[in-house]
Amino acid sequence: MAKPIMAKATAVWLVDNTTISFKQIADFVGMHELEVQGIADGDVAAGVKGFDPIANNQLTQEEIDAAQDSPLHKLKLKFNAAAVGEEKRRGPRYTPLSKRQDRPASILWLVKFHPELTDGQVSKLVGTTKPTIQAIRERTHWNIANIQPIDPVALGLCKQSELDAAVQKAAAKKAAEGGVMNDDERRKLVSTEQSLEMDAEPRMPSNMEGLEAFTLGDAPADAGLEEDPRGDDDFADADSFFNLPESGDEDEQPS
């Protein structure tokens, strides 16, 4: 389906000026639902000026009203005869000048948290070169000491849906090769949508780890306890009840 121009700015305008759901906006502009929610929270696209899709001949007011009335309605881009037959430009991803200095930080984040991604996938996600990725992987980059890993989605270098697709492709390749993944690798290969659908697992405190299999179920209830041979008649007074030692004459103080 055709997407609007200036998708992020259009999403900003729709969030600010309509009551359309995040899912409807995300489907229309080709973003992830969490990205649209981030726009509403002010965490994504901060400082981006909204782009009015009605004034720019991308949507009609009737289409917006229909989407506001029904959360199941899918926004449809207004037909533009001038765009018929236009093909998507092929070539490397274009990164704005203002964000090019953020690419090393996003590359470090990807190779640290998703080492299963190939250099080609990382290059496609953030629009960089393979020698730069290799230098950061091997920590030979000239500025490696000052680079801090930052999520490329938070930097606006790629979409969450694109990152999820690359991670899932790496997961399928790993499964096809028959490689055994540990728990950390398996968690890294889960997309955002899958992780949000998972039930939260209770975490055992660190001081209790290792005691999961400890049980007293096989031991009898009176194990380790000796029966008291005394009967009820032996507890007639306080001294016998508290098992106090009998005092002898030699311990008595002279009056």
Protein backbone atom coordinates (compact mmCIF):
# COMPACT_ATOMS: atom_id res chain seq x y z
CA MET A 1 0.00 0.00 0.00
CA ALA A 2 1.24 3.53 -0.86
CA LYS A 3 2.54 5.56 2.07
CA PRO A 4 2.27 9.32 2.63
CA ILE A 5 5.24 11.60 2.15
CA MET A 6 6.92 12.88 5.30
CA ALA A 7 5.43 9.94 7.20
CA LYS A 8 6.79 10.87 10.65
CA ALA A 9 5.64 14.49 10.38
CA THR A 10 2.24 13.28 9.19
CA ALA A 11 2.03 10.95 12.21
CA VAL A 12 2.88 13.89 14.49
CA TRP A 13 0.02 15.92 13.00
CA LEU A 14 -2.48 13.05 13.30
CA VAL A 15 -1.51 12.43 16.94
CA ASP A 16 -1.84 16.12 17.82
CA ASN A 17 -5.01 16.93 15.89
CA THR A 18 -7.15 13.78 15.84
CA THR A 19 -8.37 10.98 18.09
CA ILE A 20 -7.38 8.25 15.65
CA SER A 21 -5.82 5.23 17.40
CA PHE A 22 -2.08 4.60 17.37
CA LYS A 23 -2.63 1.39 15.39
CA GLN A 24 -4.55 3.19 12.63
CA ILE A 25 -1.90 5.91 12.36
CA ALA A 26 0.92 3.36 12.36
CA ASP A 27 -0.69 1.37 9.55
CA PHE A 28 -1.26 4.51 7.50
CA VAL A 29 2.24 6.01 7.74
CA GLY A 30 4.13 2.70 7.78
CA MET A 31 5.53 3.00 11.30
CA HIS A 32 5.39 0.70 14.32
CA GLU A 33 2.58 1.25 16.80
CA LEU A 34 5.11 1.79 19.61
CA GLU A 35 6.77 4.53 17.57
CA VAL A 36 3.44 6.35 17.28
CA GLN A 37 2.90 5.92 21.01
CA GLY A 38 6.40 7.35 21.53
CA ILE A 39 5.37 10.39 19.49
CA ALA A 40 2.37 10.89 21.79
CA ASP A 41 4.61 10.53 24.86
CA GLY A 42 7.18 12.95 23.47
CA ASP A 43 9.95 10.33 23.28
CA VAL A 44 10.01 10.07 19.47
CA ALA A 45 10.16 12.81 16.82
CA ALA A 46 10.74 15.54 19.39
CA GLY A 47 10.86 18.89 17.62
CA VAL A 48 9.33 17.54 14.39
CA LYS A 49 6.68 19.90 13.02
CA GLY A 50 3.42 18.24 12.04
CA PHE A 51 2.63 17.87 8.36
CA ASP A 52 -1.05 18.45 7.58
CA PRO A 53 -2.17 15.58 5.30
CA ILE A 54 -5.42 17.37 4.41
CA ALA A 55 -3.75 20.59 3.26
CA ASN A 56 -1.15 18.59 1.36
CA ASN A 57 -3.71 16.53 -0.52
CA GLN A 58 -2.97 13.18 1.18
CA LEU A 59 -6.17 12.68 3.18
CA THR A 60 -9.70 13.99 3.16
CA GLN A 61 -11.59 15.22 6.20
CA GLU A 62 -14.22 12.55 5.54
CA GLU A 63 -11.56 9.84 5.73
CA ILE A 64 -10.29 11.19 9.05
CA ASP A 65 -13.84 11.42 10.45
CA ALA A 66 -14.51 7.81 9.44
CA ALA A 67 -11.32 6.66 11.18
CA GLN A 68 -12.23 8.56 14.35
CA ASP A 69 -15.69 7.03 14.42
CA SER A 70 -14.48 3.46 13.91
CA PRO A 71 -11.19 2.10 15.32
CA LEU A 72 -11.33 -0.67 12.71
CA HIS A 73 -11.35 1.74 9.77
CA LYS A 74 -8.10 1.83 7.80
CA LEU A 75 -6.99 5.19 6.50
CA LYS A 76 -6.59 5.30 2.72
CA LEU A 77 -4.22 7.66 0.98
CA LYS A 78 -5.97 10.09 -1.34
CA PHE A 79 -5.47 9.17 -4.99
CA ASN A 80 -2.74 11.20 -6.65
CA ALA A 81 -2.56 10.82 -10.41
CA ALA A 82 0.94 12.30 -10.51
CA ALA A 83 2.28 9.47 -8.36
CA VAL A 84 0.98 6.65 -10.57
CA GLY A 85 3.81 4.50 -11.88
CA GLU A 86 6.40 6.06 -9.59
CA GLU A 87 8.92 3.43 -8.46
CA LYS A 88 10.71 3.33 -5.19
CA ARG A 89 14.24 4.65 -5.45
CA ARG A 90 16.83 1.94 -5.16
CA GLY A 91 20.11 2.37 -3.37
CA PRO A 92 21.48 2.77 0.16
CA ARG A 93 19.36 4.34 2.87
CA TYR A 94 19.71 8.10 3.06
CA THR A 95 20.66 9.45 6.47
CA PRO A 96 20.12 13.17 7.16
CA LEU A 97 23.24 15.19 7.93
CA SER A 98 21.93 15.99 11.41
CA LYS A 99 21.84 12.29 12.32
CA ARG A 100 24.99 10.97 10.68
CA GLN A 101 27.05 11.51 13.81
CA ASP A 102 24.64 9.16 15.64
CA ARG A 103 25.33 6.20 13.38
CA PRO A 104 28.37 4.83 15.31
CA ALA A 105 26.29 4.75 18.52
CA SER A 106 23.49 2.85 16.79
CA ILE A 107 25.95 0.44 15.17
CA LEU A 108 27.50 -0.32 18.57
CA TRP A 109 24.02 -0.94 20.00
CA LEU A 110 23.17 -3.37 17.19
CA VAL A 111 26.41 -5.36 17.36
CA LYS A 112 26.17 -5.49 21.16
CA PHE A 113 22.53 -6.51 21.60
CA HIS A 114 21.98 -8.26 18.24
CA PRO A 115 25.33 -9.80 17.27
CA GLU A 116 23.45 -12.30 15.09
CA LEU A 117 22.72 -9.54 12.55
CA THR A 118 25.03 -9.56 9.55
CA ASP A 119 27.02 -6.54 8.44
CA GLY A 120 24.68 -6.23 5.46
CA GLN A 121 21.61 -6.09 7.73
CA VAL A 122 23.21 -3.49 10.02
CA SER A 123 24.25 -1.45 6.98
CA LYS A 124 20.72 -1.54 5.60
CA LEU A 125 19.18 -0.54 8.95
CA VAL A 126 21.32 2.53 9.69
CA GLY A 127 22.78 3.40 6.27
CA THR A 128 26.47 2.89 6.90
CA THR A 129 29.40 1.03 5.35
CA LYS A 130 30.68 -2.44 6.17
CA PRO A 131 34.23 -1.26 7.05
CA THR A 132 32.74 1.02 9.72
CA ILE A 133 30.67 -1.85 11.14
CA GLN A 134 33.70 -4.14 11.17
CA ALA A 135 35.80 -1.51 12.95
CA ILE A 136 33.18 -1.14 15.67
CA ARG A 137 32.78 -4.93 16.01
CA GLU A 138 36.54 -5.31 16.49
CA ARG A 139 36.71 -2.13 18.62
CA THR A 140 39.32 -0.59 16.32
CA HIS A 141 37.21 2.46 15.47
CA TRP A 142 39.13 5.70 16.03
CA ASN A 143 36.50 7.02 18.48
CA ILE A 144 35.44 3.72 20.10
CA ALA A 145 36.28 4.95 23.63
CA ASN A 146 33.70 7.74 23.38
CA ILE A 147 30.88 5.83 21.65
CA GLN A 148 27.89 4.85 23.79
CA PRO A 149 25.36 2.30 22.42
CA ILE A 150 21.97 3.87 21.59
CA ASP A 151 18.93 2.20 20.06
CA PRO A 152 18.73 3.20 16.36
CA VAL A 153 14.93 3.36 16.64
CA ALA A 154 15.22 5.97 19.39
CA LEU A 155 17.63 7.92 17.18
CA GLY A 156 15.22 7.77 14.26
CA LEU A 157 17.67 5.94 12.01
CA CYS A 158 15.30 3.03 11.35
CA LYS A 159 11.80 1.87 12.18
CA GLN A 160 10.97 -0.64 14.90
CA SER A 161 9.22 -2.79 12.30
CA GLU A 162 12.40 -2.87 10.18
CA LEU A 163 14.51 -3.88 13.17
CA ASP A 164 12.02 -6.59 14.12
CA ALA A 165 12.02 -7.93 10.56
CA ALA A 166 15.83 -8.12 10.52
CA VAL A 167 15.90 -9.86 13.91
CA GLN A 168 13.27 -12.40 12.81
CA LYS A 169 15.23 -13.11 9.65
CA ALA A 170 18.33 -13.75 11.73
CA ALA A 171 16.29 -16.04 14.00
CA ALA A 172 15.04 -18.06 11.02
CA LYS A 173 18.57 -18.38 9.67
CA LYS A 174 19.84 -19.50 13.09
CA ALA A 175 17.11 -22.14 13.31
CA ALA A 176 17.80 -23.36 9.77
CA GLU A 177 21.48 -23.82 10.59
CA GLY A 178 20.53 -25.90 13.63
CA GLY A 179 22.51 -23.78 16.04
CA VAL A 180 21.74 -24.04 19.75
CA MET A 181 20.82 -20.71 21.31
CA ASN A 182 21.23 -19.85 24.96
CA ASP A 183 18.55 -17.92 26.89
CA ASP A 184 20.07 -14.49 26.21
CA GLU A 185 20.27 -15.14 22.47
CA ARG A 186 16.71 -16.44 22.40
CA ARG A 187 15.42 -13.29 24.12
CA LYS A 188 17.31 -11.09 21.67
CA LEU A 189 15.68 -12.84 18.71
CA VAL A 190 12.16 -12.04 19.92
CA SER A 191 10.45 -9.13 18.22
CA THR A 192 8.83 -6.27 20.10
CA GLU A 193 5.31 -7.54 19.39
CA GLN A 194 6.14 -11.02 20.68
CA SER A 195 7.82 -9.71 23.81
CA LEU A 196 4.79 -7.56 24.65
CA GLU A 197 2.50 -10.58 24.34
CA MET A 198 4.58 -12.73 26.71
CA ASP A 199 3.53 -13.20 30.32
CA ALA A 200 5.87 -11.66 32.83
CA GLU A 201 7.96 -14.36 34.49
CA PRO A 202 8.43 -13.98 38.26
CA ARG A 203 12.06 -13.48 39.09
CA MET A 204 13.50 -15.24 42.13
CA PRO A 205 15.60 -13.04 44.44
CA SER A 206 19.33 -13.54 43.96
CA ASN A 207 19.77 -14.71 47.56
CA MET A 208 17.27 -17.54 46.94
CA GLU A 209 18.72 -18.80 43.64
CA GLY A 210 19.85 -22.41 43.82
CA LEU A 211 17.14 -23.42 46.31
CA GLU A 212 14.44 -24.08 43.68
CA ALA A 213 14.66 -27.88 44.15
CA PHE A 214 14.88 -27.77 47.93
CA THR A 215 11.90 -29.47 49.56
CA LEU A 216 10.86 -31.09 52.80
CA GLY A 217 8.10 -33.10 51.19
CA ASP A 218 9.84 -36.49 51.47
CA ALA A 219 10.78 -36.09 55.10
CA PRO A 220 8.29 -37.19 57.81
CA ALA A 221 6.68 -34.45 59.78
CA ASP A 222 8.43 -35.51 63.03
CA ALA A 223 11.85 -36.16 61.48
CA GLY A 224 14.68 -34.98 63.67
CA LEU A 225 12.40 -34.46 66.72
CA GLU A 226 12.65 -36.74 69.73
CA GLU A 227 9.47 -37.64 71.56
CA ASP A 228 9.25 -36.41 75.13
CA PRO A 229 8.80 -39.51 77.40
CA ARG A 230 7.04 -37.47 80.04
CA GLY A 231 3.29 -37.72 80.39
CA ASP A 232 0.65 -35.16 81.28
CA ASP A 233 0.98 -35.95 84.99
CA ASP A 234 4.60 -34.79 84.93
CA PHE A 235 3.56 -31.20 84.19
CA ALA A 236 1.56 -30.61 87.35
CA ASP A 237 3.63 -27.57 88.39
CA ALA A 238 5.60 -24.81 86.70
CA ASP A 239 9.02 -26.26 87.54
CA SER A 240 8.31 -29.54 85.81
CA PHE A 241 6.63 -27.84 82.84
CA PHE A 242 9.65 -25.66 82.13
CA ASN A 243 12.00 -28.56 82.90
CA LEU A 244 13.89 -26.61 85.55
CA PRO A 245 16.67 -28.52 87.37
CA GLU A 246 15.92 -29.73 90.83
CA SER A 247 17.67 -27.70 93.48
CA GLY A 248 19.69 -29.56 96.11
CA ASP A 249 20.35 -28.61 99.69
CA GLU A 250 23.92 -27.69 98.92
CA ASP A 251 22.73 -24.97 96.51
CA GLU A 252 20.46 -23.33 99.05
CA GLN A 253 21.64 -20.08 100.53
CA PRO A 254 21.88 -19.97 104.33
CA SER A 255 19.13 -17.93 105.91
